[in-house]
Amino acid sequence: MKTAIIVMSDPKGGSEEALGRVFNALALAFECKQKGDEVAVVFNGTGTRWPAELTKLSHPANGLYNSVRDVVQGASCGCAEVFGATQGAKSCGVPIVKDNALAGTAGLLSLRRYVAEGWNTVVF
């Protein structure tokens, strides 16, 4: 089984809902990894802000994030630029991806690729 987990929630909102979304995204990634599935975690939209938060030792999901860092495939370049997350993602070692050329942007992370390749996609 192949599962692509797309994180779009915004950590800057300070809401419990955003934390719940990212926690469940990472928990799904962990479960998929444990079962031997192929899994990918990507950050899009305001979700590109998450890597900088999740790598903080004091963050409640830091340990869970570290357990699935090897399946984090990237953050959308255009989204990271718009939401001021480029440096944060880069400093955490998260690749900035722009494999979907879109006029007026630096390029986005292609979500269609996962669908075209038969991945189950889950958005948090």
N, C-alpha and C. Protein backbone atom coordinates (compact mmCIF):
# COMPACT_ATOMS: atom_id res chain seq x y z
N MET A 1 0.84 -1.18 0.00
CA MET A 1 0.00 0.00 0.00
C MET A 1 0.88 1.24 0.00
N LYS A 2 0.43 2.28 -0.73
CA LYS A 2 1.15 3.54 -0.80
C LYS A 2 0.23 4.65 -0.29
N THR A 3 0.71 5.42 0.68
CA THR A 3 -0.10 6.49 1.26
C THR A 3 0.69 7.79 1.26
N ALA A 4 0.10 8.82 0.65
CA ALA A 4 0.67 10.17 0.67
C ALA A 4 -0.12 11.00 1.67
N ILE A 5 0.58 11.54 2.64
CA ILE A 5 -0.05 12.34 3.69
C ILE A 5 0.30 13.80 3.44
N ILE A 6 -0.73 14.61 3.23
CA ILE A 6 -0.56 16.01 2.87
C ILE A 6 -0.98 16.86 4.06
N VAL A 7 -0.03 17.62 4.61
CA VAL A 7 -0.31 18.47 5.77
C VAL A 7 -0.52 19.89 5.29
N MET A 8 -1.72 20.43 5.55
CA MET A 8 -2.05 21.79 5.13
C MET A 8 -2.47 22.67 6.30
N SER A 9 -2.61 22.11 7.49
CA SER A 9 -3.05 22.91 8.63
C SER A 9 -1.99 23.94 9.00
N ASP A 10 -2.40 25.00 9.68
CA ASP A 10 -1.52 26.12 9.99
C ASP A 10 -1.12 26.16 11.46
N PRO A 11 0.16 25.96 11.76
CA PRO A 11 0.58 26.00 13.16
C PRO A 11 0.50 27.39 13.77
N LYS A 12 0.48 28.43 12.93
CA LYS A 12 0.45 29.79 13.46
C LYS A 12 -0.92 30.18 14.01
N GLY A 13 -1.94 29.42 13.66
CA GLY A 13 -3.27 29.73 14.16
C GLY A 13 -3.39 29.50 15.66
N GLY A 14 -2.48 28.70 16.20
CA GLY A 14 -2.49 28.42 17.63
C GLY A 14 -3.66 27.57 18.09
N SER A 15 -4.34 26.97 17.13
CA SER A 15 -5.52 26.20 17.50
C SER A 15 -5.17 24.76 17.87
N GLU A 16 -5.95 24.21 18.73
CA GLU A 16 -5.79 22.80 19.08
C GLU A 16 -6.09 21.92 17.87
N GLU A 17 -6.98 22.40 17.02
CA GLU A 17 -7.34 21.63 15.83
C GLU A 17 -6.12 21.42 14.93
N ALA A 18 -5.33 22.47 14.71
CA ALA A 18 -4.14 22.35 13.86
C ALA A 18 -3.16 21.35 14.45
N LEU A 19 -2.96 21.40 15.76
CA LEU A 19 -2.08 20.44 16.42
C LEU A 19 -2.65 19.03 16.28
N GLY A 20 -3.94 18.89 16.45
CA GLY A 20 -4.57 17.58 16.28
C GLY A 20 -4.41 17.03 14.88
N ARG A 21 -4.50 17.91 13.90
CA ARG A 21 -4.35 17.48 12.51
C ARG A 21 -2.94 16.98 12.23
N VAL A 22 -1.93 17.78 12.62
CA VAL A 22 -0.56 17.36 12.34
C VAL A 22 -0.19 16.13 13.14
N PHE A 23 -0.67 16.03 14.37
CA PHE A 23 -0.38 14.86 15.19
C PHE A 23 -0.96 13.60 14.53
N ASN A 24 -2.19 13.69 14.04
CA ASN A 24 -2.81 12.53 13.39
C ASN A 24 -2.15 12.21 12.06
N ALA A 25 -1.67 13.22 11.34
CA ALA A 25 -0.93 12.99 10.10
C ALA A 25 0.33 12.20 10.39
N LEU A 26 1.06 12.64 11.41
CA LEU A 26 2.31 11.95 11.76
C LEU A 26 2.04 10.56 12.33
N ALA A 27 0.95 10.41 13.08
CA ALA A 27 0.60 9.09 13.62
C ALA A 27 0.26 8.12 12.49
N LEU A 28 -0.44 8.60 11.47
CA LEU A 28 -0.74 7.75 10.32
C LEU A 28 0.55 7.37 9.60
N ALA A 29 1.45 8.33 9.43
CA ALA A 29 2.74 8.03 8.79
C ALA A 29 3.50 6.97 9.58
N PHE A 30 3.49 7.09 10.90
CA PHE A 30 4.18 6.13 11.76
C PHE A 30 3.57 4.74 11.61
N GLU A 31 2.24 4.68 11.64
CA GLU A 31 1.55 3.38 11.52
C GLU A 31 1.84 2.74 10.16
N CYS A 32 1.80 3.53 9.10
CA CYS A 32 2.10 3.01 7.77
C CYS A 32 3.52 2.46 7.71
N LYS A 33 4.45 3.21 8.29
CA LYS A 33 5.85 2.76 8.32
C LYS A 33 5.98 1.45 9.07
N GLN A 34 5.31 1.36 10.21
CA GLN A 34 5.38 0.14 11.04
C GLN A 34 4.84 -1.07 10.31
N LYS A 35 3.84 -0.85 9.46
CA LYS A 35 3.21 -1.96 8.71
C LYS A 35 3.97 -2.28 7.43
N GLY A 36 5.04 -1.53 7.14
CA GLY A 36 5.84 -1.79 5.95
C GLY A 36 5.29 -1.16 4.68
N ASP A 37 4.35 -0.24 4.82
CA ASP A 37 3.77 0.43 3.65
C ASP A 37 4.75 1.47 3.12
N GLU A 38 4.55 1.85 1.88
CA GLU A 38 5.27 2.99 1.32
C GLU A 38 4.49 4.24 1.74
N VAL A 39 5.16 5.19 2.32
CA VAL A 39 4.48 6.38 2.84
C VAL A 39 5.30 7.63 2.55
N ALA A 40 4.59 8.71 2.29
CA ALA A 40 5.22 10.00 2.04
C ALA A 40 4.46 11.07 2.80
N VAL A 41 5.19 11.96 3.45
CA VAL A 41 4.59 13.12 4.12
C VAL A 41 5.07 14.35 3.36
N VAL A 42 4.11 15.21 2.98
CA VAL A 42 4.46 16.47 2.32
C VAL A 42 3.71 17.61 2.99
N PHE A 43 4.29 18.80 2.90
CA PHE A 43 3.71 19.99 3.50
C PHE A 43 3.33 20.97 2.39
N ASN A 44 2.06 21.39 2.38
CA ASN A 44 1.54 22.32 1.39
C ASN A 44 0.82 23.47 2.09
N GLY A 45 0.63 24.56 1.36
CA GLY A 45 -0.09 25.70 1.92
C GLY A 45 0.57 26.18 3.20
N THR A 46 -0.26 26.57 4.17
CA THR A 46 0.29 27.02 5.45
C THR A 46 0.96 25.89 6.20
N GLY A 47 0.72 24.67 5.77
CA GLY A 47 1.37 23.51 6.39
C GLY A 47 2.88 23.53 6.22
N THR A 48 3.38 24.34 5.27
CA THR A 48 4.84 24.44 5.08
C THR A 48 5.52 25.05 6.30
N ARG A 49 4.74 25.63 7.19
CA ARG A 49 5.29 26.20 8.43
C ARG A 49 5.57 25.14 9.49
N TRP A 50 5.00 23.95 9.33
CA TRP A 50 5.13 22.91 10.36
C TRP A 50 6.54 22.42 10.62
N PRO A 51 7.37 22.15 9.62
CA PRO A 51 8.69 21.59 9.93
C PRO A 51 9.47 22.40 10.96
N ALA A 52 9.46 23.71 10.84
CA ALA A 52 10.20 24.55 11.80
C ALA A 52 9.64 24.40 13.21
N GLU A 53 8.35 24.16 13.34
CA GLU A 53 7.74 23.97 14.65
C GLU A 53 8.03 22.57 15.20
N LEU A 54 7.88 21.58 14.34
CA LEU A 54 8.02 20.19 14.78
C LEU A 54 9.43 19.81 15.18
N THR A 55 10.42 20.53 14.69
CA THR A 55 11.80 20.21 15.05
C THR A 55 12.22 20.85 16.38
N LYS A 56 11.36 21.67 16.96
CA LYS A 56 11.67 22.25 18.27
C LYS A 56 11.54 21.14 19.32
N LEU A 57 12.57 20.99 20.13
CA LEU A 57 12.56 19.93 21.15
C LEU A 57 11.37 20.04 22.09
N SER A 58 10.89 21.25 22.31
CA SER A 58 9.78 21.46 23.24
C SER A 58 8.42 21.18 22.62
N HIS A 59 8.36 20.94 21.31
CA HIS A 59 7.06 20.71 20.68
C HIS A 59 6.53 19.34 21.08
N PRO A 60 5.25 19.25 21.43
CA PRO A 60 4.70 17.96 21.88
C PRO A 60 4.75 16.84 20.83
N ALA A 61 4.85 17.18 19.56
CA ALA A 61 4.91 16.16 18.51
C ALA A 61 6.33 15.96 17.98
N ASN A 62 7.34 16.52 18.65
CA ASN A 62 8.72 16.42 18.18
C ASN A 62 9.19 14.98 18.05
N GLY A 63 8.96 14.17 19.06
CA GLY A 63 9.40 12.77 19.02
C GLY A 63 8.74 11.99 17.91
N LEU A 64 7.44 12.21 17.73
CA LEU A 64 6.71 11.54 16.66
C LEU A 64 7.23 12.00 15.30
N TYR A 65 7.45 13.29 15.15
CA TYR A 65 8.00 13.82 13.89
C TYR A 65 9.36 13.19 13.59
N ASN A 66 10.21 13.12 14.59
CA ASN A 66 11.54 12.53 14.38
C ASN A 66 11.45 11.07 13.95
N SER A 67 10.41 10.37 14.40
CA SER A 67 10.27 8.96 14.05
C SER A 67 9.84 8.75 12.60
N VAL A 68 9.35 9.81 11.95
CA VAL A 68 8.91 9.68 10.55
C VAL A 68 9.64 10.65 9.61
N ARG A 69 10.67 11.30 10.09
CA ARG A 69 11.40 12.26 9.25
C ARG A 69 11.92 11.65 7.97
N ASP A 70 12.24 10.38 7.99
CA ASP A 70 12.78 9.73 6.79
C ASP A 70 11.75 9.58 5.68
N VAL A 71 10.47 9.78 5.97
CA VAL A 71 9.45 9.70 4.92
C VAL A 71 8.91 11.08 4.53
N VAL A 72 9.46 12.13 5.10
CA VAL A 72 9.08 13.49 4.71
C VAL A 72 9.73 13.78 3.37
N GLN A 73 8.91 13.97 2.35
CA GLN A 73 9.44 14.15 0.99
C GLN A 73 9.59 15.61 0.59
N GLY A 74 8.98 16.53 1.32
CA GLY A 74 9.21 17.91 0.98
C GLY A 74 8.10 18.86 1.34
N ALA A 75 8.39 20.13 1.05
CA ALA A 75 7.45 21.22 1.23
C ALA A 75 7.31 21.94 -0.10
N SER A 76 6.13 22.38 -0.41
CA SER A 76 5.87 23.07 -1.66
C SER A 76 6.61 24.41 -1.70
N CYS A 77 7.41 24.60 -2.75
CA CYS A 77 8.22 25.82 -2.90
C CYS A 77 7.36 27.08 -2.91
N GLY A 78 6.39 27.13 -3.81
CA GLY A 78 5.55 28.32 -3.92
C GLY A 78 4.78 28.61 -2.64
N CYS A 79 4.29 27.56 -2.01
CA CYS A 79 3.55 27.74 -0.75
C CYS A 79 4.48 28.25 0.35
N ALA A 80 5.64 27.66 0.44
CA ALA A 80 6.61 28.09 1.47
C ALA A 80 6.98 29.55 1.28
N GLU A 81 7.13 29.97 0.02
CA GLU A 81 7.45 31.38 -0.24
C GLU A 81 6.32 32.29 0.21
N VAL A 82 5.10 31.97 -0.18
CA VAL A 82 3.95 32.80 0.15
C VAL A 82 3.74 32.90 1.66
N PHE A 83 3.98 31.81 2.37
CA PHE A 83 3.70 31.79 3.81
C PHE A 83 4.95 31.97 4.67
N GLY A 84 6.04 32.41 4.07
CA GLY A 84 7.25 32.74 4.83
C GLY A 84 7.90 31.56 5.51
N ALA A 85 7.82 30.39 4.89
CA ALA A 85 8.33 29.18 5.54
C ALA A 85 9.55 28.57 4.85
N THR A 86 10.06 29.20 3.82
CA THR A 86 11.16 28.62 3.06
C THR A 86 12.38 28.36 3.94
N GLN A 87 12.85 29.37 4.63
CA GLN A 87 14.04 29.22 5.46
C GLN A 87 13.83 28.21 6.58
N GLY A 88 12.66 28.24 7.19
CA GLY A 88 12.37 27.29 8.27
C GLY A 88 12.43 25.85 7.79
N ALA A 89 11.83 25.60 6.63
CA ALA A 89 11.84 24.23 6.09
C ALA A 89 13.27 23.82 5.71
N LYS A 90 13.97 24.72 5.04
CA LYS A 90 15.34 24.41 4.62
C LYS A 90 16.23 24.14 5.83
N SER A 91 16.10 24.94 6.86
CA SER A 91 16.96 24.78 8.04
C SER A 91 16.69 23.46 8.76
N CYS A 92 15.55 22.88 8.52
CA CYS A 92 15.20 21.58 9.13
C CYS A 92 15.55 20.41 8.22
N GLY A 93 16.09 20.72 7.06
CA GLY A 93 16.46 19.65 6.14
C GLY A 93 15.32 19.13 5.30
N VAL A 94 14.21 19.86 5.25
CA VAL A 94 13.07 19.44 4.44
C VAL A 94 13.27 19.98 3.02
N PRO A 95 13.26 19.11 2.02
CA PRO A 95 13.45 19.57 0.64
C PRO A 95 12.34 20.52 0.20
N ILE A 96 12.72 21.56 -0.53
CA ILE A 96 11.76 22.48 -1.13
C ILE A 96 11.51 21.96 -2.54
N VAL A 97 10.26 21.61 -2.83
CA VAL A 97 9.94 20.92 -4.08
C VAL A 97 9.10 21.82 -4.99
N LYS A 98 9.46 21.82 -6.27
CA LYS A 98 8.73 22.62 -7.25
C LYS A 98 8.60 21.87 -8.57
N ASP A 99 8.03 20.67 -8.50
CA ASP A 99 7.88 19.84 -9.68
C ASP A 99 6.57 20.07 -10.43
N ASN A 100 5.81 21.08 -10.02
CA ASN A 100 4.59 21.47 -10.70
C ASN A 100 4.72 22.94 -11.08
N ALA A 101 5.16 23.18 -12.32
CA ALA A 101 5.33 24.56 -12.79
C ALA A 101 3.96 25.23 -12.88
N LEU A 102 3.84 26.37 -12.23
CA LEU A 102 2.58 27.10 -12.24
C LEU A 102 2.90 28.58 -12.42
N ALA A 103 2.34 29.17 -13.45
CA ALA A 103 2.61 30.58 -13.75
C ALA A 103 2.35 31.45 -12.52
N GLY A 104 3.25 32.40 -12.30
CA GLY A 104 3.10 33.34 -11.19
C GLY A 104 3.65 32.82 -9.88
N THR A 105 4.21 31.60 -9.90
CA THR A 105 4.80 31.02 -8.68
C THR A 105 6.20 30.51 -9.00
N ALA A 106 6.92 30.20 -7.96
CA ALA A 106 8.23 29.58 -8.14
C ALA A 106 8.10 28.09 -8.44
N GLY A 107 6.88 27.61 -8.47
CA GLY A 107 6.60 26.19 -8.69
C GLY A 107 6.06 25.57 -7.42
N LEU A 108 5.19 24.62 -7.58
CA LEU A 108 4.56 23.96 -6.44
C LEU A 108 4.97 22.50 -6.37
N LEU A 109 4.73 21.88 -5.25
CA LEU A 109 4.91 20.44 -5.10
C LEU A 109 3.72 19.78 -5.78
N SER A 110 3.98 18.85 -6.68
CA SER A 110 2.91 18.20 -7.42
C SER A 110 2.19 17.17 -6.55
N LEU A 111 0.92 17.39 -6.34
CA LEU A 111 0.10 16.39 -5.65
C LEU A 111 -0.49 15.41 -6.65
N ARG A 112 -0.65 15.85 -7.89
CA ARG A 112 -1.18 14.98 -8.93
C ARG A 112 -0.29 13.75 -9.11
N ARG A 113 1.00 13.93 -8.93
CA ARG A 113 1.94 12.82 -9.08
C ARG A 113 1.52 11.63 -8.22
N TYR A 114 1.15 11.91 -6.98
CA TYR A 114 0.75 10.82 -6.08
C TYR A 114 -0.52 10.13 -6.57
N VAL A 115 -1.48 10.92 -7.02
CA VAL A 115 -2.73 10.36 -7.52
C VAL A 115 -2.45 9.53 -8.77
N ALA A 116 -1.66 10.07 -9.69
CA ALA A 116 -1.35 9.38 -10.95
C ALA A 116 -0.62 8.06 -10.72
N GLU A 117 0.17 8.01 -9.65
CA GLU A 117 0.92 6.79 -9.33
C GLU A 117 0.15 5.83 -8.43
N GLY A 118 -1.12 6.13 -8.18
CA GLY A 118 -1.97 5.21 -7.43
C GLY A 118 -1.85 5.29 -5.93
N TRP A 119 -1.29 6.37 -5.41
CA TRP A 119 -1.17 6.53 -3.95
C TRP A 119 -2.53 6.88 -3.35
N ASN A 120 -2.81 6.35 -2.17
CA ASN A 120 -3.93 6.83 -1.37
C ASN A 120 -3.49 8.18 -0.82
N THR A 121 -4.34 9.19 -0.92
CA THR A 121 -3.95 10.50 -0.40
C THR A 121 -4.87 10.90 0.75
N VAL A 122 -4.25 11.41 1.80
CA VAL A 122 -4.99 11.84 2.98
C VAL A 122 -4.53 13.25 3.31
N VAL A 123 -5.48 14.17 3.47
CA VAL A 123 -5.15 15.56 3.73
C VAL A 123 -5.50 15.92 5.17
N PHE A 124 -4.53 16.52 5.85
CA PHE A 124 -4.74 16.96 7.24
C PHE A 124 -4.56 18.47 7.31
